[in-house]
Structure formats: C-alpha cells, structure tokens
Amino acid sequence: MLFYNAGIFTACSRFIKNGYVLIKDGRIIDVGPMEFCPFDTESYDLSGLTIYPGFIDAHCHLGMWEDGLSFEGDDGNEDTDPATPHLRALDAVNPGDYSFKEALDAGVTAVVTGPGSANPVAGQMVAIKTYGGCIDDMVIKAPVAMKFALGENPKNTYHSKDETPTTRMATAAIIREQLKKAQRYQRDLLAAQEDEDADEPEIDVKSEALVGTVDGSIQSHFHAHRSDDIFTAIRLSKEYDLDLVLIHCTEGYMNAEKLAAEKARAVVGPLICTRTKPELSNERDENPAILKKAGVEVAICTDHPEVPIQYLALSAGIAVRAGMDHDDAVRAITSVPAKIMGLSDRIGSVAPGMDADLAIFKGDPLSVYEKPVWVIAGGKIVKRP
C-alpha cells in the first residue's frame, strides 16, 4: 500500500512537508518526498493530512483492570504477598477489553502494561500492540521490565493488613532482599554451568524471574511519585546496577537538574487527574516541560485506567499548554517511549524497516477536537474516512 501527498512527522528525522509512505507485509519499506514516489501499487491520496507514528503509552494497565468490571476484571494487584516478581502481565491481559478498541481508534497502537503498585516487587511488564485477538500474537517484548513500587501504595496496602511493609524503609528492604537473592541464584546457576560437580540451586521462581533484572537484560520500572522515593529508586538502581526507568516521577521537577545529571529517564503521568492522595499534592502540569528542558528523557503516559487510554494524545497536549515544546510532546508519545523501552527498532517512528503502525490526522493530533482520520495497524487499514 502506498500513502502519498501527506505531511510526515517521522519522529526520527526531519518533517517531510509532502511525501509518501510505502508499506508491504506489515512493515514500512520506503519513506520520502513526493518527487521520489513510486506509483506501482494500491495507492491512497492523503492530501491535507499528516502521518504520525502510531502512539505509544509507555506505562498503563490496559487489560489488567477491565473496563466496566469490578473484582471480576481486576487482575492487576496480587496483594497477598509483597514480593511477586514471578507474576507475568502476559497471563492477565484481556485483549477483549473494549478499551483496546478505544486505544486503536485514538491512534494508540502500542502500550507497556502490567501489574499495579500494591507490592514493592510487583511483577513483569509486557510491551504489546493494541490490535490482535490473541495476546500471544500482540507481544512486542515479554517481559520488557520488572515493576517495583515505592511510597504510599505499598504502605497503604499492607498497613491495613497489619503486615510488612508499613514503612518506606521496609519497602526498600524487601526490594533489596529479593535482588540479593536473585544475585546469589544467578551465581549458583553460573557455578553449576561451569563446574559439573557443583549442584544447581533449588528452584526459586521469584529469583529466577529477577535474574534478567540483575543482569540488566530487562528494565526496572520504579513507581515513584515523591522526590524522596525517586531518589530511593536511583539509590537502589546504583546498588544493584539496574536499568532504571522512573514511572510517574511526579515531583521530578523539584530536582530536574539533578535527575538530568543522573541521566534519568522518566515516564510522566497521569496529567489529567486530581490530587487524590498525599503523594500527588505537588503534581504540576509543568513537570514534563521542566524535566525535558533540564535534559531528562521524558515520555508521557495515561496510567490507564487512571486516565482512559484514548486520552494519551490529549495528555501530551496538556504538557504543551504547560510549556512543553509541541514536537517534543508528540515525540513523548512516539519515538521517546520507544527509545526508553528499547523498542525503537520496531515502533515509534516513520522509517523503513519499522512496523507499519500509523496515525493520520487532519489537524493537530494533540488537540481535544482531533481524532485520527486513518489508523494503520500492522500494515492494515483499521480506520478510514
């Protein structure tokens, strides 16, 4: 399929004022200005429209808390044990949830979804497409990250049960304990591989799940709103050489220069919300702009269902209203989350070799008045005029 006569926000290089995108077998195979356009295939004239990469929500719980259900569709927090690294989001996501259709209709073609923040060590996050009937066919990377949580949520969850952790000290201690066990488990596995006389360690599914975290092959996503929790996440990551991504980073603006010096990466949001708990008391819409201007890599998320997934682009629009550069805000829901999550070889930009996921707009994609006119998902037209 050939889409031509469109503006193209590539998100990885210069804006093409009038160009084309050629798609074959679910991939983008060519992008360029109109003077090089090949007219030898099924063609669609997109005059007056602009092509963007499919949007990416780098942190949400899509399919984990199902739309319109209570306990029956609540599969995001296994709050019976504060350390559950062996839990896999892949086993809980329901792609039949109507919110997937709303995501796709809004041009959101990929998300990182997974467990909530009740447990200090919550479980494995998964990167998926928002289209496809079987979750196994929707996976981009599983696991993409291990989810950790600091601050108010674990405290509240276990205080009501009169169990550990009820303090920030205990939350950090539980995380350290699990990481230390995983390091020892990894050493014992390596020793058994190198020495035939050494015994393999007894099966420990929690430590086994964390091996990828301590060897750096999967990321560590730390739920942290308050400034002190943000720096606890950084401290823990330095102790165990973790590949850290800060999730929410609500008070990040208070120490933006310090976070930039730490080469922090932040997935900020939700932005369309009220200050419903103490940790959000210092929430400011200016946070993404301040972090970005300081030099922090910033992606914007909805934290669905906290903010419905279809309002991802609107969330980026809120960041623009609060001082973020417009194109930076678009990149914060396209190329930047792809880069942060290590997925930029497949999604997040309009370039040859990329998955053919596109959102095509007539006006400003970050406006409350706009929805994509066309949506291309996996090289197939799923929405058109």
Protein backbone atom coordinates (compact mmCIF):
# COMPACT_ATOMS: atom_id res chain seq x y z
CA MET A 1 0.00 0.00 0.00
CA LEU A 2 1.13 3.49 -0.84
CA PHE A 3 0.05 6.60 1.09
CA TYR A 4 1.05 9.81 -0.65
CA ASN A 5 0.62 13.60 -0.75
CA ALA A 6 0.81 13.78 3.06
CA GLY A 7 2.91 15.62 5.59
CA ILE A 8 5.02 13.13 7.52
CA PHE A 9 6.09 13.61 11.14
CA THR A 10 8.76 10.92 11.09
CA ALA A 11 9.74 11.43 14.77
CA CYS A 12 13.26 10.28 13.89
CA SER A 13 14.40 12.84 11.31
CA ARG A 14 13.15 15.95 9.55
CA PHE A 15 9.48 16.66 8.89
CA ILE A 16 8.56 15.84 5.30
CA LYS A 17 6.21 18.55 4.03
CA ASN A 18 4.78 16.48 1.19
CA GLY A 19 5.74 12.87 0.94
CA TYR A 20 4.81 9.21 0.79
CA VAL A 21 4.95 6.04 2.89
CA LEU A 22 5.12 2.64 1.21
CA ILE A 23 4.02 -0.43 3.18
CA LYS A 24 4.45 -4.11 2.46
CA ASP A 25 3.90 -7.22 4.60
CA GLY A 26 3.18 -5.18 7.72
CA ARG A 27 6.36 -3.09 7.51
CA ILE A 28 7.29 0.33 6.21
CA ILE A 29 9.64 -0.25 3.30
CA ASP A 30 10.09 3.29 1.99
CA VAL A 31 9.52 6.90 3.09
CA GLY A 32 10.38 10.05 1.19
CA PRO A 33 9.38 13.28 -0.56
CA MET A 34 6.89 13.15 -3.43
CA GLU A 35 9.49 13.57 -6.20
CA PHE A 36 10.64 10.00 -5.45
CA CYS A 37 7.17 8.49 -5.01
CA PRO A 38 6.63 5.10 -6.71
CA PHE A 39 3.11 4.66 -8.12
CA ASP A 40 3.13 0.92 -8.71
CA THR A 41 0.80 -0.39 -6.02
CA GLU A 42 -2.53 0.21 -4.27
CA SER A 43 -2.47 3.95 -3.56
CA TYR A 44 -4.25 6.37 -1.25
CA ASP A 45 -4.11 10.14 -1.67
CA LEU A 46 -3.83 11.80 1.75
CA SER A 47 -3.83 15.43 0.61
CA GLY A 48 -4.28 17.79 3.53
CA LEU A 49 -3.42 15.11 6.13
CA THR A 50 -0.33 14.38 8.22
CA ILE A 51 1.09 10.95 9.00
CA TYR A 52 2.42 10.25 12.51
CA PRO A 53 3.85 7.10 14.06
CA GLY A 54 1.29 5.09 15.98
CA PHE A 55 1.16 6.45 19.53
CA ILE A 56 2.81 4.57 22.41
CA ASP A 57 1.70 4.59 26.04
CA ALA A 58 4.83 3.64 27.97
CA HIS A 59 3.02 2.91 31.24
CA CYS A 60 -0.53 1.75 31.73
CA HIS A 61 -2.58 -1.18 32.96
CA LEU A 62 -4.58 -1.83 29.80
CA GLY A 63 -6.35 -5.18 30.00
CA MET A 64 -5.35 -5.65 33.64
CA TRP A 65 -8.29 -3.71 35.08
CA GLU A 66 -11.08 -4.39 32.66
CA ASP A 67 -13.49 -1.68 31.64
CA GLY A 68 -16.87 -1.80 33.36
CA LEU A 69 -15.99 -4.58 35.80
CA SER A 70 -15.01 -4.66 39.46
CA PHE A 71 -13.31 -7.65 41.13
CA GLU A 72 -14.15 -9.98 38.23
CA GLY A 73 -11.90 -7.99 35.90
CA ASP A 74 -9.38 -6.77 38.47
CA ASP A 75 -6.16 -8.69 37.78
CA GLY A 76 -3.53 -6.05 38.43
CA ASN A 77 -2.54 -6.39 42.10
CA GLU A 78 -1.78 -9.70 43.80
CA ASP A 79 -1.83 -8.02 47.21
CA THR A 80 -1.39 -11.22 49.21
CA ASP A 81 2.41 -11.13 49.09
CA PRO A 82 4.62 -8.00 48.92
CA ALA A 83 7.18 -9.69 46.63
CA THR A 84 5.73 -11.20 43.44
CA PRO A 85 8.39 -10.89 40.70
CA HIS A 86 7.28 -14.18 39.17
CA LEU A 87 3.90 -12.78 38.10
CA ARG A 88 3.59 -12.11 34.37
CA ALA A 89 1.29 -9.47 32.94
CA LEU A 90 1.02 -11.68 29.88
CA ASP A 91 -1.11 -14.09 31.92
CA ALA A 92 -3.61 -11.41 32.95
CA VAL A 93 -4.16 -9.08 29.96
CA ASN A 94 -7.57 -9.49 28.33
CA PRO A 95 -7.35 -8.23 24.74
CA GLY A 96 -11.14 -8.47 24.53
CA ASP A 97 -11.48 -5.47 26.85
CA TYR A 98 -13.31 -2.70 24.96
CA SER A 99 -10.57 -0.24 25.92
CA PHE A 100 -8.33 -1.84 23.30
CA LYS A 101 -10.75 -0.68 20.59
CA GLU A 102 -10.79 2.81 22.08
CA ALA A 103 -6.99 2.86 22.12
CA LEU A 104 -6.77 1.91 18.46
CA ASP A 105 -9.48 4.39 17.47
CA ALA A 106 -7.34 7.11 19.09
CA GLY A 107 -4.19 6.03 17.25
CA VAL A 108 -2.56 4.28 20.22
CA THR A 109 -1.03 1.21 18.63
CA ALA A 110 1.38 0.02 21.35
CA VAL A 111 1.50 0.05 25.15
CA VAL A 112 3.53 -1.18 28.07
CA THR A 113 1.08 -2.71 30.51
CA GLY A 114 1.35 -4.73 33.69
CA PRO A 115 0.83 -5.03 37.43
CA GLY A 116 -0.18 -2.19 39.72
CA SER A 117 1.76 -0.70 42.59
CA ALA A 118 0.44 -2.52 45.66
CA ASN A 119 3.60 -4.61 46.02
CA PRO A 120 7.21 -3.43 46.38
CA VAL A 121 8.12 -6.08 43.80
CA ALA A 122 5.05 -6.33 41.62
CA GLY A 123 5.87 -8.49 38.61
CA GLN A 124 6.70 -8.42 34.92
CA MET A 125 5.55 -5.72 32.49
CA VAL A 126 4.85 -6.54 28.86
CA ALA A 127 5.03 -4.44 25.69
CA ILE A 128 2.15 -5.23 23.33
CA LYS A 129 0.30 -3.96 20.29
CA THR A 130 -3.29 -2.86 20.84
CA TYR A 131 -4.58 -4.95 17.96
CA GLY A 132 -5.00 -8.70 17.55
CA GLY A 133 -7.36 -11.21 19.11
CA CYS A 134 -4.77 -13.35 20.92
CA ILE A 135 -2.42 -11.77 23.43
CA ASP A 136 0.45 -14.04 22.39
CA ASP A 137 0.29 -12.59 18.87
CA MET A 138 0.27 -9.00 20.20
CA VAL A 139 3.54 -9.17 22.14
CA ILE A 140 6.42 -6.89 21.20
CA LYS A 141 8.58 -7.89 24.16
CA ALA A 142 7.80 -10.02 27.21
CA PRO A 143 8.97 -9.20 29.73
CA VAL A 144 10.03 -5.68 28.91
CA ALA A 145 10.54 -4.70 32.55
CA MET A 146 10.20 -5.67 36.19
CA LYS A 147 7.78 -3.43 38.08
CA PHE A 148 8.78 -2.10 41.52
CA ALA A 149 6.77 0.28 43.69
CA LEU A 150 7.85 2.75 46.36
CA GLY A 151 5.99 5.08 48.68
CA GLU A 152 2.36 5.35 49.58
CA ASN A 153 0.76 2.45 47.73
CA PRO A 154 2.66 -0.48 49.28
CA LYS A 155 2.42 1.20 52.69
CA ASN A 156 -1.36 1.56 52.45
CA THR A 157 -1.88 -1.93 51.06
CA TYR A 158 -0.07 -3.73 53.88
CA HIS A 159 -0.79 -1.33 56.74
CA SER A 160 -4.47 -2.31 56.51
CA LYS A 161 -3.41 -5.97 56.76
CA ASP A 162 -1.02 -5.27 59.67
CA GLU A 163 1.77 -6.81 57.60
CA THR A 164 5.16 -5.71 56.28
CA PRO A 165 5.80 -3.25 54.70
CA THR A 166 4.21 -0.39 56.57
CA THR A 167 7.16 1.98 56.16
CA ARG A 168 9.33 3.19 53.28
CA MET A 169 12.27 1.50 55.00
CA ALA A 170 10.60 -1.89 54.83
CA THR A 171 9.55 -1.37 51.21
CA ALA A 172 13.15 -0.72 50.16
CA ALA A 173 14.38 -3.59 52.34
CA ILE A 174 12.04 -6.07 50.64
CA ILE A 175 13.29 -4.96 47.23
CA ARG A 176 16.91 -5.33 48.36
CA GLU A 177 16.24 -8.78 49.78
CA GLN A 178 14.71 -10.01 46.52
CA LEU A 179 17.51 -8.56 44.39
CA LYS A 180 20.17 -10.03 46.67
CA LYS A 181 18.56 -13.46 46.45
CA ALA A 182 18.42 -13.15 42.67
CA GLN A 183 22.13 -12.30 42.53
CA ARG A 184 23.01 -15.36 44.59
CA TYR A 185 20.69 -17.54 42.49
CA GLN A 186 22.38 -16.27 39.34
CA ARG A 187 25.85 -17.00 40.77
CA ASP A 188 24.79 -20.52 41.73
CA LEU A 189 23.39 -21.15 38.24
CA LEU A 190 26.63 -19.97 36.62
CA ALA A 191 28.71 -22.06 39.00
CA ALA A 192 26.70 -25.17 38.11
CA GLN A 193 27.19 -24.49 34.40
CA GLU A 194 30.94 -24.04 34.78
CA ASP A 195 31.59 -26.87 37.26
CA GLU A 196 29.92 -30.24 36.72
CA ASP A 197 30.49 -31.10 40.39
CA ALA A 198 28.50 -28.07 41.55
CA ASP A 199 24.80 -28.54 42.21
CA GLU A 200 22.22 -26.35 40.57
CA PRO A 201 20.28 -24.21 43.07
CA GLU A 202 16.87 -25.42 44.14
CA ILE A 203 14.07 -24.00 42.05
CA ASP A 204 13.16 -20.49 43.20
CA VAL A 205 10.66 -18.95 40.77
CA LYS A 206 10.95 -15.49 42.33
CA SER A 207 14.73 -15.36 41.99
CA GLU A 208 14.55 -16.89 38.54
CA ALA A 209 12.19 -14.12 37.43
CA LEU A 210 14.60 -11.47 38.73
CA VAL A 211 17.75 -12.82 37.02
CA GLY A 212 17.04 -10.67 33.96
CA THR A 213 16.69 -7.65 36.22
CA VAL A 214 20.02 -8.07 38.00
CA ASP A 215 21.89 -8.92 34.79
CA GLY A 216 20.41 -5.85 33.06
CA SER A 217 18.65 -7.67 30.23
CA ILE A 218 15.28 -6.29 31.27
CA GLN A 219 14.49 -2.88 32.69
CA SER A 220 13.47 -1.92 36.21
CA HIS A 221 10.40 0.30 36.29
CA PHE A 222 10.06 2.08 39.63
CA HIS A 223 6.71 3.58 40.58
CA ALA A 224 7.78 6.74 42.42
CA HIS A 225 5.82 9.96 42.87
CA ARG A 226 7.53 11.78 45.73
CA SER A 227 11.01 13.24 45.41
CA ASP A 228 12.47 11.09 48.19
CA ASP A 229 11.06 7.95 46.58
CA ILE A 230 12.54 8.97 43.23
CA PHE A 231 15.99 9.11 44.78
CA THR A 232 15.44 5.84 46.62
CA ALA A 233 14.81 4.29 43.20
CA ILE A 234 18.06 5.79 41.94
CA ARG A 235 19.93 4.60 45.03
CA LEU A 236 18.64 1.03 44.68
CA SER A 237 19.46 1.03 40.99
CA LYS A 238 23.03 2.07 41.67
CA GLU A 239 23.41 -0.60 44.35
CA TYR A 240 22.30 -3.38 42.02
CA ASP A 241 23.27 -1.89 38.64
CA LEU A 242 19.66 -1.84 37.42
CA ASP A 243 18.44 -0.43 34.10
CA LEU A 244 16.19 2.18 35.72
CA VAL A 245 13.12 3.92 34.32
CA LEU A 246 11.23 6.24 36.65
CA ILE A 247 7.47 5.82 36.42
CA HIS A 248 5.28 8.85 37.23
CA CYS A 249 8.16 10.95 38.60
CA THR A 250 5.52 13.42 39.83
CA GLU A 251 7.89 15.60 41.86
CA GLY A 252 10.72 15.27 39.36
CA TYR A 253 10.56 18.96 38.50
CA MET A 254 11.77 19.77 42.02
CA ASN A 255 15.16 18.22 41.21
CA ALA A 256 15.20 18.30 37.42
CA GLU A 257 18.87 19.26 37.09
CA LYS A 258 19.92 16.50 39.49
CA LEU A 259 17.86 13.94 37.58
CA ALA A 260 19.43 15.08 34.32
CA ALA A 261 22.88 14.65 35.86
CA GLU A 262 21.86 11.11 36.83
CA LYS A 263 20.84 10.51 33.16
CA ALA A 264 17.36 9.68 34.39
CA ARG A 265 14.56 8.52 32.09
CA ALA A 266 11.02 9.34 33.17
CA VAL A 267 7.57 8.21 32.09
CA VAL A 268 5.39 11.04 33.40
CA GLY A 269 1.67 10.89 34.07
CA PRO A 270 -1.19 10.80 34.52
CA LEU A 271 -1.57 14.51 33.77
CA ILE A 272 -5.36 14.63 33.56
CA CYS A 273 -6.20 13.85 37.16
CA THR A 274 -6.94 15.29 40.57
CA ARG A 275 -4.64 15.18 43.58
CA THR A 276 -6.42 12.24 45.13
CA LYS A 277 -3.71 11.23 47.61
CA PRO A 278 -0.85 12.85 49.55
CA GLU A 279 1.83 11.76 47.06
CA LEU A 280 0.10 13.80 44.35
CA SER A 281 -0.15 17.01 46.39
CA ASN A 282 2.71 18.58 44.44
CA GLU A 283 1.58 17.43 40.99
CA ARG A 284 2.15 20.13 38.35
CA ASP A 285 1.30 20.09 34.65
CA GLU A 286 4.64 21.81 34.03
CA ASN A 287 6.55 18.70 35.15
CA PRO A 288 7.23 17.22 31.67
CA ALA A 289 8.36 20.59 30.29
CA ILE A 290 10.71 21.28 33.19
CA LEU A 291 12.23 17.79 33.06
CA LYS A 292 12.67 17.92 29.30
CA LYS A 293 14.28 21.38 29.37
CA ALA A 294 16.71 20.12 32.03
CA GLY A 295 17.80 17.26 29.78
CA VAL A 296 15.77 14.34 31.13
CA GLU A 297 14.34 11.88 28.61
CA VAL A 298 10.57 12.24 29.04
CA ALA A 299 7.70 10.07 27.83
CA ILE A 300 4.06 10.77 28.69
CA CYS A 301 1.61 8.10 29.82
CA THR A 302 -2.04 7.78 30.85
CA ASP A 303 -1.64 5.16 33.60
CA HIS A 304 -4.90 3.73 32.20
CA PRO A 305 -7.44 3.27 33.72
CA GLU A 306 -6.47 6.29 35.86
CA VAL A 307 -6.85 8.28 32.63
CA PRO A 308 -8.58 6.43 29.78
CA ILE A 309 -6.12 5.24 27.17
CA GLN A 310 -7.79 7.23 24.38
CA TYR A 311 -6.65 10.47 26.04
CA LEU A 312 -2.93 9.82 25.60
CA ALA A 313 -2.52 12.48 22.89
CA LEU A 314 -4.65 14.90 24.91
CA SER A 315 -2.31 14.32 27.87
CA ALA A 316 0.58 15.39 25.64
CA GLY A 317 -1.48 18.43 24.71
CA ILE A 318 -1.78 19.34 28.40
CA ALA A 319 2.03 19.21 28.60
CA VAL A 320 2.24 21.65 25.67
CA ARG A 321 -0.20 24.01 27.33
CA ALA A 322 2.08 23.92 30.39
CA GLY A 323 5.23 24.82 28.47
CA MET A 324 6.49 21.75 26.63
CA ASP A 325 7.54 22.19 23.01
CA HIS A 326 4.83 20.80 20.71
CA ASP A 327 7.07 18.48 18.70
CA ASP A 328 8.76 17.25 21.87
CA ALA A 329 5.31 16.38 23.22
CA VAL A 330 4.49 14.39 20.08
CA ARG A 331 7.82 12.58 20.40
CA ALA A 332 6.95 11.93 24.09
CA ILE A 333 4.19 9.59 22.87
CA THR A 334 6.05 8.16 19.86
CA SER A 335 9.83 7.95 19.45
CA VAL A 336 10.87 8.71 23.04
CA PRO A 337 8.88 5.91 24.74
CA ALA A 338 10.12 3.55 22.03
CA LYS A 339 13.71 4.59 22.75
CA ILE A 340 13.31 4.44 26.54
CA MET A 341 11.84 0.94 26.35
CA GLY A 342 14.47 -0.30 23.90
CA LEU A 343 11.88 -0.86 21.17
CA SER A 344 12.89 1.81 18.67
CA ASP A 345 13.94 -0.82 16.14
CA ARG A 346 10.24 -1.64 15.60
CA ILE A 347 7.97 1.18 16.73
CA GLY A 348 7.88 4.92 17.41
CA SER A 349 8.91 6.41 14.06
CA VAL A 350 8.01 6.51 10.38
CA ALA A 351 11.04 4.97 8.71
CA PRO A 352 11.96 1.98 6.53
CA GLY A 353 12.01 -1.27 8.47
CA MET A 354 9.58 -0.13 11.14
CA ASP A 355 6.27 -1.82 11.91
CA ALA A 356 3.54 -0.21 9.80
CA ASP A 357 1.61 1.42 12.66
CA LEU A 358 0.43 4.91 11.68
CA ALA A 359 -1.98 7.55 12.97
CA ILE A 360 -3.10 10.03 10.31
CA PHE A 361 -4.63 13.38 11.26
CA LYS A 362 -6.21 16.36 9.54
CA GLY A 363 -5.35 18.79 12.35
CA ASP A 364 -3.21 18.94 15.48
CA PRO A 365 -3.09 15.42 16.99
CA LEU A 366 -2.77 16.90 20.49
CA SER A 367 -5.97 18.93 20.24
CA VAL A 368 -9.09 17.96 22.16
CA TYR A 369 -11.03 18.37 18.91
CA GLU A 370 -8.99 15.90 16.86
CA LYS A 371 -9.04 12.15 16.32
CA PRO A 372 -7.13 10.26 13.66
CA VAL A 373 -8.87 10.12 10.31
CA TRP A 374 -6.98 6.96 9.36
CA VAL A 375 -5.29 4.36 11.56
CA ILE A 376 -2.94 1.78 10.06
CA ALA A 377 -2.10 -1.15 12.34
CA GLY A 378 0.32 -3.85 11.31
CA GLY A 379 0.07 -2.65 7.72
CA LYS A 380 -3.72 -2.97 7.65
CA ILE A 381 -6.25 -0.17 7.47
CA VAL A 382 -8.33 -0.37 10.65
CA LYS A 383 -9.88 3.10 10.43
CA ARG A 384 -10.53 5.35 7.47
CA PRO A 385 -12.99 8.08 6.39
